[in-house]
Each structure stands twice: as C-alpha cells, then as structure tokens.
Amino acid sequence: MTNIREKANKVIDILSREYPNTNSELNFSTPFEMLVATVLSAQSTDRQVNKITKKLFKKYKKPEDFVKRPIKEIEKDIYSSGFYKAKARYLKECSKLLLNKHKGKVPKTLKELVECPGIGRKTANVILVHAFNKVEGIAVDTHVKRLSQRIGLTKNNSPYKIERDLMKIINREKWGKVNILLVLHGRRVCSARKPKCKSCKISHLCESAFSF
C-alpha cells in the first residue's frame, strides 16, 4: 500500500512529466512586475491579467509610478481585472511601503512580503518562486486546495493548514513546482465540476477518481 508521502511525490513526478514547463503563465520582466501581476490575478484569469499588464507596464514601471498617480487613475487602468478598487489601493499602499522600507525593491523573504498590503502567503510564495527562484513554502490557491483534497493529500480546508500538510509529505526540492503543476492540472483536467478522470494521468493515485 502506497503511503501518503510516496503518493504525494509520485503525483508531483507524474505531473512534472505531463507539464514540463512550470514557468508562471503571467507575463513579467521584473520582480515588481511579478508582484503587480500576482495582485491583479486574484479572482481573475492569467489571460485577462496579461491583457491588462501589456499596457499597464508601459505606464507603471516602478513603485514611484503608482505612488504619484491618483487612485482613481489606477482604478481605471486595472478596471477589467475585477475588484479593481481594492487592488488599486493595495498596489498604491504596497508601492509606498516598498519605497519607505525596501528602497523601492521587492523583498526576497516571505516574512517581508506578507507585510505588504494585498500580499498573503499564497501570493508571497508565488512571487518568491517565479521572481527569485526561491522557495519558502507552497502557494495554496483554489486549484491546489481542490486537487489536494480530492487526491487525498489533506483533509483540511484552511489554506495555511493545507500548506503545512503538503510541506510535510512532499520533498522540499519539489515545493516550487507544486502550485503551478496543480493549477495546470486543475485547469486542464481536474476541473471543479467535470473532472476528466478517464484521461487523468494520476487517477490511479486519486481517492476521488471516477466519483463525480
């Protein structure tokens, strides 16, 4: 009988072969652009965020650009991302903090990143992995939560507790891949309503396979 640690690492190994490109699907060229894009991606699609940032990054290249512009202007520029009022406020306040505390640079630690307005553990982990190739944890979003529960890697609902569970059973050198692999598999195969269990490469390891 495969134990949970063996199962978890087999799942990641199989998905690594299935999705060899584990780069972020968000377009960015600097750590600050990655931070902005990740904030905008909440409750939005990567495709929509990339449409926005194609123009946005020509106008807002550094924290100073958000600080000096009126909040209404920022809201207008990111309107189509959804929840634009909150996101505009986060981006402006976060930019102020970066300037005041980090000389305009995006910090490279989880502890410092989560101090920024609008940046939680999930967002911080994503930024660290893709902007700095640094791993301190596992980003848990809706896809990671859904797949982890379906496969049988956790029984928790709290993103923090799910992250702890995954960190205990998945080898540390694989942590940086976990989020993007489960996100890609969640989007393409293990969807919320109609998972494609017949074509799923990890169905033999999944507790919920063929039960929908």
N, C-alpha and C. Protein backbone atom coordinates (compact mmCIF):
# COMPACT_ATOMS: atom_id res chain seq x y z
N MET A 1 0.86 -1.20 0.00
CA MET A 1 0.00 0.00 0.00
C MET A 1 0.89 1.25 0.00
N THR A 2 0.68 2.11 -0.94
CA THR A 2 1.47 3.33 -1.03
C THR A 2 1.10 4.27 0.10
N ASN A 3 2.09 4.75 0.86
CA ASN A 3 1.77 5.70 1.92
C ASN A 3 1.60 7.09 1.35
N ILE A 4 1.12 8.00 2.17
CA ILE A 4 0.76 9.33 1.67
C ILE A 4 1.97 10.10 1.15
N ARG A 5 3.13 9.93 1.78
CA ARG A 5 4.33 10.61 1.30
C ARG A 5 4.75 10.10 -0.07
N GLU A 6 4.74 8.80 -0.24
CA GLU A 6 5.09 8.21 -1.54
C GLU A 6 4.10 8.65 -2.61
N LYS A 7 2.81 8.65 -2.23
CA LYS A 7 1.77 9.06 -3.19
C LYS A 7 1.96 10.51 -3.61
N ALA A 8 2.18 11.39 -2.65
CA ALA A 8 2.32 12.81 -2.94
C ALA A 8 3.48 13.07 -3.90
N ASN A 9 4.60 12.43 -3.66
CA ASN A 9 5.77 12.64 -4.50
C ASN A 9 5.62 11.99 -5.87
N LYS A 10 4.89 10.87 -5.94
CA LYS A 10 4.59 10.25 -7.24
C LYS A 10 3.70 11.18 -8.07
N VAL A 11 2.71 11.78 -7.41
CA VAL A 11 1.81 12.72 -8.10
C VAL A 11 2.62 13.86 -8.72
N ILE A 12 3.51 14.45 -7.95
CA ILE A 12 4.31 15.57 -8.46
C ILE A 12 5.24 15.13 -9.57
N ASP A 13 5.82 13.93 -9.45
CA ASP A 13 6.71 13.42 -10.50
C ASP A 13 5.95 13.19 -11.81
N ILE A 14 4.76 12.61 -11.71
CA ILE A 14 3.95 12.35 -12.91
C ILE A 14 3.53 13.67 -13.57
N LEU A 15 3.06 14.61 -12.75
CA LEU A 15 2.62 15.90 -13.30
C LEU A 15 3.79 16.70 -13.86
N SER A 16 4.98 16.50 -13.31
CA SER A 16 6.18 17.18 -13.83
C SER A 16 6.48 16.72 -15.25
N ARG A 17 6.24 15.44 -15.52
CA ARG A 17 6.43 14.94 -16.89
C ARG A 17 5.31 15.41 -17.81
N GLU A 18 4.11 15.51 -17.24
CA GLU A 18 2.95 15.94 -18.03
C GLU A 18 3.02 17.42 -18.39
N TYR A 19 3.55 18.23 -17.48
CA TYR A 19 3.66 19.68 -17.68
C TYR A 19 5.10 20.11 -17.43
N PRO A 20 5.98 19.89 -18.40
CA PRO A 20 7.41 20.19 -18.20
C PRO A 20 7.72 21.68 -18.04
N ASN A 21 6.86 22.54 -18.58
CA ASN A 21 7.09 23.99 -18.45
C ASN A 21 6.36 24.50 -17.22
N THR A 22 7.11 24.75 -16.15
CA THR A 22 6.50 25.21 -14.91
C THR A 22 6.73 26.69 -14.66
N ASN A 23 6.94 27.44 -15.73
CA ASN A 23 7.05 28.89 -15.58
C ASN A 23 5.66 29.47 -15.35
N SER A 24 5.61 30.62 -14.72
CA SER A 24 4.34 31.29 -14.49
C SER A 24 3.70 31.65 -15.83
N GLU A 25 2.38 31.59 -15.89
CA GLU A 25 1.66 31.98 -17.10
C GLU A 25 1.39 33.48 -17.12
N LEU A 26 1.79 34.16 -16.05
CA LEU A 26 1.70 35.62 -16.01
C LEU A 26 2.93 36.21 -16.70
N ASN A 27 2.74 37.23 -17.50
CA ASN A 27 3.86 37.88 -18.18
C ASN A 27 4.48 38.94 -17.27
N PHE A 28 5.80 38.88 -17.13
CA PHE A 28 6.51 39.87 -16.32
C PHE A 28 7.99 39.86 -16.70
N SER A 29 8.68 40.95 -16.40
CA SER A 29 10.12 41.01 -16.70
C SER A 29 10.95 41.44 -15.50
N THR A 30 10.29 41.89 -14.42
CA THR A 30 10.99 42.28 -13.20
C THR A 30 10.21 41.75 -11.99
N PRO A 31 10.87 41.64 -10.83
CA PRO A 31 10.15 41.22 -9.62
C PRO A 31 8.96 42.13 -9.30
N PHE A 32 9.10 43.43 -9.54
CA PHE A 32 7.98 44.33 -9.25
C PHE A 32 6.81 44.05 -10.19
N GLU A 33 7.08 43.78 -11.45
CA GLU A 33 6.01 43.44 -12.38
C GLU A 33 5.33 42.14 -11.96
N MET A 34 6.10 41.19 -11.46
CA MET A 34 5.53 39.93 -10.98
C MET A 34 4.62 40.19 -9.79
N LEU A 35 5.03 41.06 -8.90
CA LEU A 35 4.20 41.41 -7.74
C LEU A 35 2.88 42.04 -8.20
N VAL A 36 2.96 42.99 -9.10
CA VAL A 36 1.75 43.66 -9.59
C VAL A 36 0.83 42.67 -10.28
N ALA A 37 1.37 41.84 -11.16
CA ALA A 37 0.57 40.87 -11.90
C ALA A 37 -0.10 39.86 -10.96
N THR A 38 0.62 39.46 -9.93
CA THR A 38 0.08 38.49 -8.98
C THR A 38 -1.05 39.09 -8.17
N VAL A 39 -0.92 40.34 -7.77
CA VAL A 39 -2.00 41.02 -7.06
C VAL A 39 -3.23 41.12 -7.96
N LEU A 40 -3.03 41.45 -9.22
CA LEU A 40 -4.14 41.59 -10.16
C LEU A 40 -4.81 40.25 -10.47
N SER A 41 -4.07 39.16 -10.31
CA SER A 41 -4.60 37.85 -10.70
C SER A 41 -5.65 37.28 -9.73
N ALA A 42 -5.78 37.89 -8.56
CA ALA A 42 -6.79 37.42 -7.61
C ALA A 42 -8.19 37.57 -8.22
N GLN A 43 -8.94 36.48 -8.23
CA GLN A 43 -10.30 36.47 -8.79
C GLN A 43 -10.32 36.90 -10.26
N SER A 44 -9.23 36.62 -10.97
CA SER A 44 -9.16 36.93 -12.40
C SER A 44 -8.34 35.85 -13.09
N THR A 45 -8.38 35.80 -14.41
CA THR A 45 -7.60 34.81 -15.15
C THR A 45 -6.25 35.38 -15.54
N ASP A 46 -5.28 34.50 -15.71
CA ASP A 46 -3.96 34.95 -16.15
C ASP A 46 -4.05 35.64 -17.51
N ARG A 47 -4.90 35.11 -18.38
CA ARG A 47 -5.06 35.69 -19.71
C ARG A 47 -5.55 37.14 -19.62
N GLN A 48 -6.53 37.38 -18.75
CA GLN A 48 -7.04 38.74 -18.59
C GLN A 48 -5.99 39.66 -17.98
N VAL A 49 -5.26 39.15 -17.00
CA VAL A 49 -4.21 39.97 -16.37
C VAL A 49 -3.14 40.32 -17.39
N ASN A 50 -2.77 39.39 -18.24
CA ASN A 50 -1.75 39.66 -19.25
C ASN A 50 -2.20 40.72 -20.25
N LYS A 51 -3.50 40.75 -20.53
CA LYS A 51 -4.04 41.79 -21.41
C LYS A 51 -3.88 43.16 -20.75
N ILE A 52 -4.15 43.21 -19.45
CA ILE A 52 -4.06 44.47 -18.71
C ILE A 52 -2.62 44.94 -18.59
N THR A 53 -1.74 44.02 -18.20
CA THR A 53 -0.35 44.41 -17.93
C THR A 53 0.43 44.76 -19.20
N LYS A 54 -0.05 44.31 -20.35
CA LYS A 54 0.62 44.67 -21.60
C LYS A 54 0.70 46.18 -21.75
N LYS A 55 -0.37 46.87 -21.36
CA LYS A 55 -0.39 48.34 -21.39
C LYS A 55 0.09 48.92 -20.07
N LEU A 56 -0.31 48.28 -18.99
CA LEU A 56 -0.02 48.81 -17.65
C LEU A 56 1.48 48.97 -17.40
N PHE A 57 2.27 47.97 -17.82
CA PHE A 57 3.71 48.00 -17.52
C PHE A 57 4.47 49.03 -18.35
N LYS A 58 3.82 49.61 -19.34
CA LYS A 58 4.43 50.71 -20.08
C LYS A 58 4.29 52.01 -19.31
N LYS A 59 3.27 52.07 -18.47
CA LYS A 59 2.96 53.28 -17.70
C LYS A 59 3.46 53.19 -16.27
N TYR A 60 3.39 52.00 -15.69
CA TYR A 60 3.81 51.79 -14.30
C TYR A 60 4.99 50.82 -14.29
N LYS A 61 6.18 51.35 -14.25
CA LYS A 61 7.39 50.53 -14.32
C LYS A 61 8.02 50.28 -12.95
N LYS A 62 7.69 51.13 -11.97
CA LYS A 62 8.29 51.02 -10.64
C LYS A 62 7.32 51.56 -9.60
N PRO A 63 7.58 51.31 -8.32
CA PRO A 63 6.65 51.75 -7.27
C PRO A 63 6.31 53.23 -7.32
N GLU A 64 7.28 54.07 -7.68
CA GLU A 64 7.03 55.51 -7.75
C GLU A 64 5.87 55.85 -8.68
N ASP A 65 5.69 55.06 -9.73
CA ASP A 65 4.65 55.34 -10.71
C ASP A 65 3.25 55.15 -10.13
N PHE A 66 3.11 54.20 -9.20
CA PHE A 66 1.82 54.01 -8.54
C PHE A 66 1.60 55.07 -7.46
N VAL A 67 2.67 55.44 -6.78
CA VAL A 67 2.55 56.41 -5.69
C VAL A 67 2.14 57.78 -6.19
N LYS A 68 2.68 58.19 -7.32
CA LYS A 68 2.46 59.55 -7.80
C LYS A 68 1.13 59.75 -8.53
N ARG A 69 0.47 58.64 -8.87
CA ARG A 69 -0.79 58.77 -9.62
C ARG A 69 -2.00 58.65 -8.71
N PRO A 70 -3.07 59.39 -9.02
CA PRO A 70 -4.30 59.34 -8.21
C PRO A 70 -4.89 57.93 -8.21
N ILE A 71 -5.51 57.56 -7.13
CA ILE A 71 -6.09 56.23 -7.00
C ILE A 71 -7.14 55.98 -8.08
N LYS A 72 -7.89 57.01 -8.46
CA LYS A 72 -8.91 56.85 -9.49
C LYS A 72 -8.30 56.48 -10.84
N GLU A 73 -7.13 57.02 -11.11
CA GLU A 73 -6.45 56.70 -12.36
C GLU A 73 -5.98 55.25 -12.38
N ILE A 74 -5.47 54.80 -11.25
CA ILE A 74 -5.04 53.40 -11.14
C ILE A 74 -6.25 52.47 -11.30
N GLU A 75 -7.35 52.83 -10.64
CA GLU A 75 -8.57 52.03 -10.74
C GLU A 75 -9.00 51.89 -12.20
N LYS A 76 -8.95 52.97 -12.93
CA LYS A 76 -9.36 52.96 -14.34
C LYS A 76 -8.45 52.05 -15.16
N ASP A 77 -7.16 52.09 -14.85
CA ASP A 77 -6.18 51.31 -15.62
C ASP A 77 -6.25 49.81 -15.35
N ILE A 78 -6.82 49.41 -14.21
CA ILE A 78 -6.89 47.97 -13.89
C ILE A 78 -8.34 47.50 -13.76
N TYR A 79 -9.26 48.30 -14.21
CA TYR A 79 -10.70 48.06 -14.02
C TYR A 79 -11.12 46.65 -14.41
N SER A 80 -10.65 46.15 -15.53
CA SER A 80 -11.12 44.87 -16.05
C SER A 80 -10.58 43.65 -15.31
N SER A 81 -9.77 43.87 -14.28
CA SER A 81 -9.24 42.74 -13.51
C SER A 81 -10.23 42.26 -12.45
N GLY A 82 -11.26 43.08 -12.18
CA GLY A 82 -12.20 42.73 -11.11
C GLY A 82 -11.67 43.18 -9.76
N PHE A 83 -12.58 43.52 -8.87
CA PHE A 83 -12.20 44.02 -7.53
C PHE A 83 -11.14 45.12 -7.65
N TYR A 84 -11.30 45.94 -8.67
CA TYR A 84 -10.27 46.91 -9.02
C TYR A 84 -10.03 47.97 -7.96
N LYS A 85 -11.05 48.32 -7.18
CA LYS A 85 -10.87 49.34 -6.15
C LYS A 85 -9.91 48.85 -5.07
N ALA A 86 -10.13 47.63 -4.60
CA ALA A 86 -9.25 47.06 -3.58
C ALA A 86 -7.85 46.86 -4.13
N LYS A 87 -7.75 46.35 -5.34
CA LYS A 87 -6.44 46.09 -5.94
C LYS A 87 -5.66 47.39 -6.17
N ALA A 88 -6.35 48.43 -6.59
CA ALA A 88 -5.69 49.73 -6.78
C ALA A 88 -5.14 50.24 -5.46
N ARG A 89 -5.92 50.09 -4.41
CA ARG A 89 -5.48 50.53 -3.08
C ARG A 89 -4.27 49.72 -2.61
N TYR A 90 -4.34 48.41 -2.82
CA TYR A 90 -3.22 47.54 -2.43
C TYR A 90 -1.94 47.94 -3.17
N LEU A 91 -2.06 48.16 -4.48
CA LEU A 91 -0.88 48.47 -5.28
C LEU A 91 -0.26 49.81 -4.87
N LYS A 92 -1.10 50.76 -4.58
CA LYS A 92 -0.59 52.07 -4.17
C LYS A 92 0.06 51.99 -2.78
N GLU A 93 -0.61 51.32 -1.84
CA GLU A 93 -0.08 51.21 -0.48
C GLU A 93 1.17 50.33 -0.44
N CYS A 94 1.16 49.27 -1.23
CA CYS A 94 2.31 48.39 -1.30
C CYS A 94 3.51 49.12 -1.89
N SER A 95 3.27 49.93 -2.90
CA SER A 95 4.34 50.71 -3.52
C SER A 95 4.95 51.69 -2.53
N LYS A 96 4.11 52.31 -1.70
CA LYS A 96 4.61 53.21 -0.66
C LYS A 96 5.51 52.48 0.32
N LEU A 97 5.06 51.29 0.72
CA LEU A 97 5.85 50.50 1.67
C LEU A 97 7.19 50.09 1.06
N LEU A 98 7.18 49.69 -0.20
CA LEU A 98 8.43 49.30 -0.86
C LEU A 98 9.42 50.45 -0.89
N LEU A 99 8.90 51.64 -1.15
CA LEU A 99 9.77 52.82 -1.20
C LEU A 99 10.28 53.20 0.18
N ASN A 100 9.41 53.16 1.16
CA ASN A 100 9.77 53.60 2.51
C ASN A 100 10.63 52.60 3.28
N LYS A 101 10.41 51.32 3.01
CA LYS A 101 11.09 50.29 3.81
C LYS A 101 12.13 49.47 3.05
N HIS A 102 11.98 49.39 1.72
CA HIS A 102 12.87 48.50 0.97
C HIS A 102 13.56 49.20 -0.21
N LYS A 103 13.63 50.52 -0.16
CA LYS A 103 14.31 51.30 -1.21
C LYS A 103 13.75 51.02 -2.60
N GLY A 104 12.45 50.73 -2.64
CA GLY A 104 11.79 50.51 -3.92
C GLY A 104 11.95 49.11 -4.49
N LYS A 105 12.62 48.23 -3.75
CA LYS A 105 12.85 46.87 -4.22
C LYS A 105 11.84 45.90 -3.61
N VAL A 106 11.52 44.84 -4.34
CA VAL A 106 10.64 43.80 -3.81
C VAL A 106 11.47 42.91 -2.88
N PRO A 107 11.05 42.76 -1.62
CA PRO A 107 11.82 41.93 -0.69
C PRO A 107 11.84 40.46 -1.10
N LYS A 108 12.87 39.75 -0.64
CA LYS A 108 13.07 38.37 -1.05
C LYS A 108 12.76 37.35 0.04
N THR A 109 12.01 37.76 1.05
CA THR A 109 11.64 36.80 2.10
C THR A 109 10.12 36.79 2.27
N LEU A 110 9.61 35.65 2.67
CA LEU A 110 8.17 35.51 2.90
C LEU A 110 7.70 36.46 4.00
N LYS A 111 8.48 36.56 5.06
CA LYS A 111 8.12 37.41 6.19
C LYS A 111 7.95 38.86 5.77
N GLU A 112 8.85 39.35 4.94
CA GLU A 112 8.78 40.75 4.50
C GLU A 112 7.68 40.96 3.47
N LEU A 113 7.48 39.98 2.60
CA LEU A 113 6.46 40.13 1.56
C LEU A 113 5.05 40.19 2.14
N VAL A 114 4.77 39.35 3.15
CA VAL A 114 3.41 39.33 3.70
C VAL A 114 3.10 40.60 4.50
N GLU A 115 4.09 41.43 4.74
CA GLU A 115 3.85 42.73 5.39
C GLU A 115 3.29 43.74 4.40
N CYS A 116 3.40 43.44 3.11
CA CYS A 116 2.93 44.36 2.08
C CYS A 116 1.41 44.25 1.93
N PRO A 117 0.71 45.37 1.82
CA PRO A 117 -0.74 45.34 1.64
C PRO A 117 -1.13 44.52 0.41
N GLY A 118 -2.10 43.62 0.59
CA GLY A 118 -2.57 42.82 -0.53
C GLY A 118 -1.75 41.58 -0.82
N ILE A 119 -0.70 41.34 -0.03
CA ILE A 119 0.15 40.17 -0.24
C ILE A 119 -0.02 39.19 0.92
N GLY A 120 -0.64 38.06 0.65
CA GLY A 120 -0.76 37.00 1.65
C GLY A 120 0.28 35.92 1.40
N ARG A 121 0.21 34.84 2.14
CA ARG A 121 1.19 33.76 1.99
C ARG A 121 1.19 33.18 0.57
N LYS A 122 0.00 32.97 0.01
CA LYS A 122 -0.09 32.39 -1.32
C LYS A 122 0.62 33.28 -2.34
N THR A 123 0.27 34.56 -2.34
CA THR A 123 0.86 35.50 -3.28
C THR A 123 2.36 35.61 -3.06
N ALA A 124 2.78 35.67 -1.80
CA ALA A 124 4.20 35.78 -1.48
C ALA A 124 4.98 34.58 -1.99
N ASN A 125 4.44 33.38 -1.80
CA ASN A 125 5.12 32.18 -2.27
C ASN A 125 5.25 32.17 -3.79
N VAL A 126 4.22 32.62 -4.49
CA VAL A 126 4.25 32.68 -5.95
C VAL A 126 5.34 33.66 -6.41
N ILE A 127 5.38 34.83 -5.78
CA ILE A 127 6.39 35.84 -6.13
C ILE A 127 7.80 35.32 -5.90
N LEU A 128 8.02 34.70 -4.75
CA LEU A 128 9.35 34.18 -4.42
C LEU A 128 9.82 33.15 -5.45
N VAL A 129 8.94 32.23 -5.81
CA VAL A 129 9.31 31.16 -6.75
C VAL A 129 9.62 31.72 -8.13
N HIS A 130 8.71 32.54 -8.66
CA HIS A 130 8.84 32.95 -10.05
C HIS A 130 9.71 34.19 -10.27
N ALA A 131 9.81 35.04 -9.28
CA ALA A 131 10.64 36.25 -9.43
C ALA A 131 12.07 36.03 -8.96
N PHE A 132 12.24 35.15 -7.95
CA PHE A 132 13.56 34.97 -7.34
C PHE A 132 14.06 33.53 -7.34
N ASN A 133 13.24 32.60 -7.86
CA ASN A 133 13.61 31.18 -7.82
C ASN A 133 13.94 30.75 -6.39
N LYS A 134 13.13 31.23 -5.45
CA LYS A 134 13.35 30.96 -4.03
C LYS A 134 12.10 30.30 -3.45
N VAL A 135 12.30 29.28 -2.64
CA VAL A 135 11.17 28.53 -2.10
C VAL A 135 11.18 28.54 -0.58
N GLU A 136 10.09 29.04 0.00
CA GLU A 136 9.94 29.01 1.46
C GLU A 136 8.69 28.24 1.88
N GLY A 137 7.80 27.99 0.93
CA GLY A 137 6.56 27.29 1.23
C GLY A 137 5.89 26.85 -0.05
N ILE A 138 4.59 26.56 0.02
CA ILE A 138 3.81 26.13 -1.13
C ILE A 138 2.57 27.02 -1.24
N ALA A 139 2.40 27.65 -2.38
CA ALA A 139 1.25 28.53 -2.59
C ALA A 139 -0.02 27.71 -2.73
N VAL A 140 -1.00 27.97 -1.88
CA VAL A 140 -2.26 27.22 -1.91
C VAL A 140 -3.39 28.13 -2.39
N ASP A 141 -3.85 27.87 -3.62
CA ASP A 141 -5.00 28.60 -4.16
C ASP A 141 -6.16 27.62 -4.31
N THR A 142 -7.19 28.01 -5.02
CA THR A 142 -8.38 27.15 -5.13
C THR A 142 -8.07 25.82 -5.83
N HIS A 143 -7.20 25.85 -6.84
CA HIS A 143 -6.85 24.61 -7.55
C HIS A 143 -6.06 23.68 -6.64
N VAL A 144 -5.07 24.21 -5.94
CA VAL A 144 -4.25 23.39 -5.05
C VAL A 144 -5.11 22.80 -3.94
N LYS A 145 -6.01 23.61 -3.41
CA LYS A 145 -6.92 23.13 -2.36
C LYS A 145 -7.80 21.99 -2.88
N ARG A 146 -8.43 22.20 -4.04
CA ARG A 146 -9.35 21.20 -4.59
C ARG A 146 -8.63 19.89 -4.91
N LEU A 147 -7.51 19.97 -5.60
CA LEU A 147 -6.81 18.76 -6.00
C LEU A 147 -6.19 18.03 -4.81
N SER A 148 -5.65 18.77 -3.87
CA SER A 148 -5.04 18.15 -2.68
C SER A 148 -6.08 17.36 -1.90
N GLN A 149 -7.27 17.92 -1.80
CA GLN A 149 -8.35 17.24 -1.09
C GLN A 149 -8.86 16.04 -1.88
N ARG A 150 -9.04 16.19 -3.18
CA ARG A 150 -9.55 15.10 -4.00
C ARG A 150 -8.58 13.92 -4.02
N ILE A 151 -7.30 14.23 -4.19
CA ILE A 151 -6.29 13.17 -4.27
C ILE A 151 -6.17 12.44 -2.93
N GLY A 152 -6.39 13.19 -1.84
CA GLY A 152 -6.28 12.60 -0.51
C GLY A 152 -5.00 12.99 0.20
N LEU A 153 -4.47 14.15 -0.14
CA LEU A 153 -3.23 14.62 0.48
C LEU A 153 -3.49 15.45 1.72
N THR A 154 -4.72 15.87 1.91
CA THR A 154 -5.10 16.65 3.09
C THR A 154 -6.59 16.52 3.34
N LYS A 155 -6.98 16.71 4.57
CA LYS A 155 -8.40 16.74 4.92
C LYS A 155 -8.79 18.12 5.44
N ASN A 156 -7.86 19.04 5.41
CA ASN A 156 -8.10 20.39 5.91
C ASN A 156 -8.70 21.30 4.86
N ASN A 157 -9.34 22.37 5.32
CA ASN A 157 -9.91 23.39 4.43
C ASN A 157 -9.12 24.68 4.46
N SER A 158 -8.44 24.95 5.55
CA SER A 158 -7.65 26.17 5.68
C SER A 158 -6.43 26.12 4.77
N PRO A 159 -6.23 27.15 3.92
CA PRO A 159 -5.03 27.18 3.06
C PRO A 159 -3.74 27.03 3.84
N TYR A 160 -3.67 27.65 5.01
CA TYR A 160 -2.46 27.55 5.83
C TYR A 160 -2.23 26.10 6.26
N LYS A 161 -3.28 25.43 6.73
CA LYS A 161 -3.14 24.04 7.18
C LYS A 161 -2.85 23.09 6.01
N ILE A 162 -3.44 23.39 4.85
CA ILE A 162 -3.16 22.58 3.66
C ILE A 162 -1.69 22.74 3.28
N GLU A 163 -1.20 23.96 3.33
CA GLU A 163 0.21 24.20 3.02
C GLU A 163 1.11 23.41 3.96
N ARG A 164 0.78 23.44 5.26
CA ARG A 164 1.57 22.68 6.25
C ARG A 164 1.55 21.19 5.91
N ASP A 165 0.36 20.66 5.58
CA ASP A 165 0.23 19.24 5.25
C ASP A 165 1.10 18.88 4.05
N LEU A 166 1.04 19.69 3.01
CA LEU A 166 1.80 19.40 1.79
C LEU A 166 3.30 19.50 2.03
N MET A 167 3.71 20.46 2.84
CA MET A 167 5.13 20.63 3.14
C MET A 167 5.69 19.43 3.91
N LYS A 168 4.83 18.77 4.67
CA LYS A 168 5.27 17.62 5.46
C LYS A 168 5.49 16.37 4.60
N ILE A 169 4.72 16.24 3.52
CA ILE A 169 4.76 15.00 2.76
C ILE A 169 5.44 15.10 1.40
N ILE A 170 5.64 16.32 0.89
CA ILE A 170 6.30 16.49 -0.40
C ILE A 170 7.75 16.90 -0.18
N ASN A 171 8.66 16.27 -0.90
CA ASN A 171 10.08 16.59 -0.76
C ASN A 171 10.33 18.07 -1.04
N ARG A 172 11.14 18.70 -0.21
CA ARG A 172 11.34 20.15 -0.28
C ARG A 172 11.77 20.62 -1.67
N GLU A 173 12.61 19.84 -2.35
CA GLU A 173 13.10 20.28 -3.66
C GLU A 173 11.98 20.36 -4.70
N LYS A 174 10.81 19.83 -4.36
CA LYS A 174 9.67 19.86 -5.29
C LYS A 174 8.65 20.94 -4.94
N TRP A 175 8.83 21.61 -3.81
CA TRP A 175 7.84 22.59 -3.37
C TRP A 175 7.56 23.67 -4.42
N GLY A 176 8.61 24.14 -5.07
CA GLY A 176 8.45 25.23 -6.02
C GLY A 176 7.58 24.90 -7.21
N LYS A 177 7.42 23.58 -7.51
CA LYS A 177 6.62 23.15 -8.66
C LYS A 177 5.17 22.87 -8.31
N VAL A 178 4.90 22.63 -7.03
CA VAL A 178 3.60 22.11 -6.63
C VAL A 178 2.45 22.99 -7.09
N ASN A 179 2.54 24.28 -6.83
CA ASN A 179 1.43 25.18 -7.18
C ASN A 179 1.13 25.17 -8.66
N ILE A 180 2.13 25.44 -9.49
CA ILE A 180 1.87 25.56 -10.92
C ILE A 180 1.43 24.23 -11.52
N LEU A 181 1.97 23.10 -11.02
CA LEU A 181 1.57 21.79 -11.55
C LEU A 181 0.10 21.49 -11.23
N LEU A 182 -0.32 21.76 -10.00
CA LEU A 182 -1.71 21.50 -9.63
C LEU A 182 -2.65 22.51 -10.28
N VAL A 183 -2.19 23.74 -10.47
CA VAL A 183 -3.00 24.74 -11.16
C VAL A 183 -3.24 24.31 -12.61
N LEU A 184 -2.16 23.92 -13.30
CA LEU A 184 -2.30 23.49 -14.69
C LEU A 184 -3.18 22.27 -14.81
N HIS A 185 -3.00 21.30 -13.92
CA HIS A 185 -3.82 20.09 -13.98
C HIS A 185 -5.27 20.40 -13.62
N GLY A 186 -5.46 21.32 -12.69
CA GLY A 186 -6.81 21.72 -12.31
C GLY A 186 -7.55 22.42 -13.44
N ARG A 187 -6.83 23.20 -14.21
CA ARG A 187 -7.44 23.93 -15.32
C ARG A 187 -7.73 23.01 -16.50
N ARG A 188 -6.83 22.08 -16.77
CA ARG A 188 -6.92 21.30 -17.99
C ARG A 188 -7.60 19.94 -17.82
N VAL A 189 -7.53 19.38 -16.62
CA VAL A 189 -8.08 18.04 -16.42
C VAL A 189 -9.03 17.96 -15.23
N CYS A 190 -8.54 18.31 -14.05
CA CYS A 190 -9.32 18.14 -12.83
C CYS A 190 -10.12 19.39 -12.48
N SER A 191 -11.08 19.71 -13.34
CA SER A 191 -11.88 20.91 -13.15
C SER A 191 -12.84 20.74 -11.97
N ALA A 192 -13.38 21.85 -11.51
CA ALA A 192 -14.24 21.81 -10.33
C ALA A 192 -15.50 20.98 -10.54
N ARG A 193 -16.15 21.14 -11.68
CA ARG A 193 -17.44 20.48 -11.89
C ARG A 193 -17.35 19.16 -12.64
N LYS A 194 -16.55 19.10 -13.69
CA LYS A 194 -16.50 17.88 -14.50
C LYS A 194 -15.05 17.44 -14.74
N PRO A 195 -14.43 16.84 -13.73
CA PRO A 195 -13.05 16.37 -13.92
C PRO A 195 -12.99 15.26 -14.97
N LYS A 196 -11.91 15.27 -15.77
CA LYS A 196 -11.75 14.29 -16.84
C LYS A 196 -10.94 13.10 -16.32
N CYS A 197 -11.56 12.31 -15.47
CA CYS A 197 -10.86 11.21 -14.81
C CYS A 197 -10.32 10.17 -15.80
N LYS A 198 -11.02 9.95 -16.92
CA LYS A 198 -10.59 8.95 -17.89
C LYS A 198 -9.25 9.29 -18.52
N SER A 199 -8.97 10.59 -18.66
CA SER A 199 -7.71 11.00 -19.29
C SER A 199 -6.68 11.50 -18.27
N CYS A 200 -6.98 11.34 -16.99
CA CYS A 200 -6.10 11.85 -15.93
C CYS A 200 -4.95 10.88 -15.68
N LYS A 201 -3.74 11.39 -15.71
CA LYS A 201 -2.55 10.57 -15.53
C LYS A 201 -2.31 10.16 -14.08
N ILE A 202 -3.03 10.78 -13.15
CA ILE A 202 -2.83 10.43 -11.74
C ILE A 202 -4.09 9.82 -11.12
N SER A 203 -5.03 9.39 -11.96
CA SER A 203 -6.30 8.86 -11.44
C SER A 203 -6.09 7.63 -10.56
N HIS A 204 -5.04 6.84 -10.84
CA HIS A 204 -4.77 5.63 -10.05
C HIS A 204 -4.27 5.96 -8.65
N LEU A 205 -3.91 7.22 -8.43
CA LEU A 205 -3.43 7.66 -7.12
C LEU A 205 -4.46 8.53 -6.39
N CYS A 206 -5.57 8.78 -7.04
CA CYS A 206 -6.56 9.74 -6.52
C CYS A 206 -7.72 9.03 -5.81
N GLU A 207 -7.99 9.45 -4.59
CA GLU A 207 -9.08 8.86 -3.81
C GLU A 207 -10.46 9.16 -4.39
N SER A 208 -10.56 10.25 -5.17
CA SER A 208 -11.86 10.68 -5.68
C SER A 208 -12.09 10.34 -7.14
N ALA A 209 -11.16 9.65 -7.77
CA ALA A 209 -11.27 9.36 -9.20
C ALA A 209 -12.57 8.62 -9.53
N PHE A 210 -13.21 9.05 -10.61
CA PHE A 210 -14.43 8.44 -11.15
C PHE A 210 -15.61 8.48 -10.17
N SER A 211 -15.58 9.42 -9.24
CA SER A 211 -16.68 9.51 -8.26
C SER A 211 -17.58 10.71 -8.53
N PHE A 212 -17.38 11.38 -9.67
CA PHE A 212 -18.17 12.57 -9.97
C PHE A 212 -19.23 12.26 -11.02
